[in-house]
């Protein structure tokens, strides 16, 4: 997704749950990156949140 013409998949449902997962993933990604840069080991709980959000993004947006 390199352009600004993001499109929802035909079967995608933009639910509040998916939007919340994406928002949490983006917020967590910032904290995760900061911690990962400061330390070699990455916190699993933030990694799981980021993965969940990325999965939600893949469900609703076309590549």
N, C-alpha and C. Protein backbone atom coordinates (compact mmCIF):
# COMPACT_ATOMS: atom_id res chain seq x y z
N UNK A 1 0.84 -1.17 0.00
CA UNK A 1 0.00 0.00 0.00
C UNK A 1 0.88 1.24 0.00
N UNK A 2 1.25 1.69 -1.15
CA UNK A 2 2.15 2.82 -1.23
C UNK A 2 1.47 4.11 -1.63
N UNK A 3 0.23 4.06 -2.09
CA UNK A 3 -0.44 5.29 -2.48
C UNK A 3 -1.51 5.68 -1.46
N UNK A 4 -2.16 6.80 -1.70
CA UNK A 4 -3.18 7.27 -0.77
C UNK A 4 -4.58 6.80 -1.13
N UNK A 5 -4.70 5.91 -2.08
CA UNK A 5 -6.00 5.41 -2.52
C UNK A 5 -6.31 4.07 -1.87
N UNK A 6 -6.35 4.05 -0.57
CA UNK A 6 -6.60 2.82 0.15
C UNK A 6 -8.04 2.38 -0.09
N UNK A 7 -8.23 1.11 -0.36
CA UNK A 7 -9.56 0.58 -0.62
C UNK A 7 -9.84 -0.57 0.32
N UNK A 8 -11.08 -0.60 0.79
CA UNK A 8 -11.49 -1.74 1.61
C UNK A 8 -11.72 -2.94 0.70
N UNK A 9 -11.44 -4.12 1.23
CA UNK A 9 -11.75 -5.33 0.49
C UNK A 9 -13.27 -5.40 0.35
N UNK A 10 -13.74 -6.05 -0.71
CA UNK A 10 -15.18 -6.15 -0.95
C UNK A 10 -15.90 -6.80 0.23
N UNK A 11 -15.26 -7.78 0.85
CA UNK A 11 -15.91 -8.50 1.95
C UNK A 11 -15.61 -7.89 3.31
N UNK A 12 -14.88 -6.77 3.34
CA UNK A 12 -14.45 -6.18 4.61
C UNK A 12 -15.58 -5.48 5.33
N UNK A 13 -15.56 -5.63 6.63
CA UNK A 13 -16.49 -4.90 7.48
C UNK A 13 -15.65 -4.02 8.39
N UNK A 14 -15.81 -2.72 8.25
CA UNK A 14 -15.05 -1.79 9.06
C UNK A 14 -15.77 -1.62 10.40
N UNK A 15 -15.52 -2.56 11.27
CA UNK A 15 -16.20 -2.56 12.58
C UNK A 15 -15.39 -1.76 13.59
N UNK A 16 -16.06 -1.34 14.64
CA UNK A 16 -15.38 -0.62 15.72
C UNK A 16 -14.29 -1.48 16.32
N UNK A 17 -14.50 -2.79 16.38
CA UNK A 17 -13.52 -3.70 16.93
C UNK A 17 -12.23 -3.68 16.11
N UNK A 18 -12.36 -3.73 14.77
CA UNK A 18 -11.18 -3.69 13.91
C UNK A 18 -10.47 -2.35 14.00
N UNK A 19 -11.23 -1.27 14.04
CA UNK A 19 -10.63 0.06 14.15
C UNK A 19 -9.88 0.19 15.48
N UNK A 20 -10.47 -0.32 16.55
CA UNK A 20 -9.82 -0.27 17.86
C UNK A 20 -8.53 -1.09 17.86
N UNK A 21 -8.55 -2.27 17.22
CA UNK A 21 -7.35 -3.10 17.15
C UNK A 21 -6.25 -2.38 16.37
N UNK A 22 -6.62 -1.73 15.28
CA UNK A 22 -5.64 -0.99 14.48
C UNK A 22 -5.06 0.17 15.29
N UNK A 23 -5.92 0.91 15.97
CA UNK A 23 -5.45 2.05 16.78
C UNK A 23 -4.51 1.58 17.89
N UNK A 24 -4.88 0.51 18.57
CA UNK A 24 -4.03 -0.03 19.64
C UNK A 24 -2.70 -0.52 19.07
N UNK A 25 -2.74 -1.14 17.91
CA UNK A 25 -1.51 -1.64 17.29
C UNK A 25 -0.58 -0.49 16.94
N UNK A 26 -1.13 0.58 16.39
CA UNK A 26 -0.30 1.73 16.03
C UNK A 26 0.31 2.39 17.26
N UNK A 27 -0.48 2.52 18.30
CA UNK A 27 0.03 3.11 19.54
C UNK A 27 1.08 2.20 20.16
N UNK A 28 0.82 0.91 20.16
CA UNK A 28 1.76 -0.05 20.73
C UNK A 28 3.03 -0.15 19.91
N UNK A 29 2.90 0.03 18.60
CA UNK A 29 4.06 -0.05 17.72
C UNK A 29 5.10 1.01 18.10
N UNK A 30 4.64 2.18 18.47
CA UNK A 30 5.54 3.24 18.90
C UNK A 30 6.29 2.82 20.17
N UNK A 31 5.56 2.32 21.14
CA UNK A 31 6.19 1.87 22.40
C UNK A 31 7.10 0.68 22.13
N UNK A 32 6.65 -0.24 21.31
CA UNK A 32 7.43 -1.43 20.96
C UNK A 32 8.76 -1.04 20.31
N UNK A 33 8.70 -0.11 19.37
CA UNK A 33 9.91 0.33 18.66
C UNK A 33 10.88 1.00 19.64
N UNK A 34 10.35 1.84 20.51
CA UNK A 34 11.20 2.51 21.50
C UNK A 34 11.89 1.49 22.40
N UNK A 35 11.14 0.52 22.89
CA UNK A 35 11.72 -0.50 23.77
C UNK A 35 12.68 -1.41 23.02
N UNK A 36 12.35 -1.75 21.79
CA UNK A 36 13.20 -2.63 21.00
C UNK A 36 14.53 -1.96 20.69
N UNK A 37 14.50 -0.66 20.48
CA UNK A 37 15.74 0.08 20.22
C UNK A 37 16.59 0.20 21.49
N UNK A 38 15.94 0.29 22.62
CA UNK A 38 16.65 0.43 23.89
C UNK A 38 17.20 -0.89 24.41
N UNK A 39 16.50 -1.98 24.11
CA UNK A 39 16.88 -3.31 24.59
C UNK A 39 16.78 -4.30 23.45
N UNK A 40 17.53 -5.38 23.58
CA UNK A 40 17.50 -6.39 22.53
C UNK A 40 16.26 -7.27 22.60
N UNK A 41 15.77 -7.54 23.79
CA UNK A 41 14.59 -8.39 23.90
C UNK A 41 13.32 -7.55 23.80
N UNK A 42 12.36 -8.06 23.05
CA UNK A 42 11.12 -7.31 22.83
C UNK A 42 10.01 -7.86 23.73
N UNK A 43 9.23 -6.98 24.32
CA UNK A 43 8.14 -7.42 25.19
C UNK A 43 7.06 -8.15 24.39
N UNK A 44 6.74 -9.35 24.81
CA UNK A 44 5.78 -10.18 24.07
C UNK A 44 4.38 -9.59 24.02
N UNK A 45 3.94 -8.95 25.10
CA UNK A 45 2.57 -8.41 25.10
C UNK A 45 2.41 -7.31 24.05
N UNK A 46 3.41 -6.45 23.88
CA UNK A 46 3.33 -5.43 22.84
C UNK A 46 3.43 -6.06 21.46
N UNK A 47 4.28 -7.07 21.33
CA UNK A 47 4.42 -7.76 20.04
C UNK A 47 3.09 -8.39 19.62
N UNK A 48 2.38 -8.98 20.58
CA UNK A 48 1.08 -9.59 20.29
C UNK A 48 0.05 -8.55 19.87
N UNK A 49 0.05 -7.38 20.54
CA UNK A 49 -0.88 -6.31 20.18
C UNK A 49 -0.62 -5.81 18.77
N UNK A 50 0.65 -5.63 18.44
CA UNK A 50 1.00 -5.16 17.10
C UNK A 50 0.56 -6.19 16.06
N UNK A 51 0.80 -7.47 16.32
CA UNK A 51 0.41 -8.54 15.39
C UNK A 51 -1.10 -8.55 15.19
N UNK A 52 -1.85 -8.41 16.27
CA UNK A 52 -3.32 -8.41 16.19
C UNK A 52 -3.82 -7.24 15.34
N UNK A 53 -3.22 -6.08 15.53
CA UNK A 53 -3.60 -4.91 14.73
C UNK A 53 -3.25 -5.07 13.26
N UNK A 54 -2.07 -5.62 13.00
CA UNK A 54 -1.66 -5.85 11.61
C UNK A 54 -2.59 -6.86 10.94
N UNK A 55 -2.99 -7.87 11.67
CA UNK A 55 -3.95 -8.85 11.13
C UNK A 55 -5.27 -8.17 10.79
N UNK A 56 -5.72 -7.24 11.64
CA UNK A 56 -6.96 -6.52 11.39
C UNK A 56 -6.83 -5.66 10.13
N UNK A 57 -5.67 -5.03 9.96
CA UNK A 57 -5.44 -4.21 8.76
C UNK A 57 -5.51 -5.08 7.52
N UNK A 58 -4.87 -6.24 7.56
CA UNK A 58 -4.86 -7.14 6.39
C UNK A 58 -6.26 -7.65 6.06
N UNK A 59 -7.11 -7.78 7.06
CA UNK A 59 -8.48 -8.27 6.83
C UNK A 59 -9.32 -7.27 6.06
N UNK A 60 -9.10 -5.98 6.31
CA UNK A 60 -10.04 -5.00 5.75
C UNK A 60 -9.52 -4.21 4.56
N UNK A 61 -8.21 -4.14 4.35
CA UNK A 61 -7.68 -3.36 3.23
C UNK A 61 -7.10 -4.24 2.15
N UNK A 62 -7.27 -3.81 0.89
CA UNK A 62 -6.67 -4.50 -0.23
C UNK A 62 -5.18 -4.23 -0.26
N UNK A 63 -4.42 -5.14 -0.84
CA UNK A 63 -2.98 -4.93 -1.00
C UNK A 63 -2.72 -4.03 -2.17
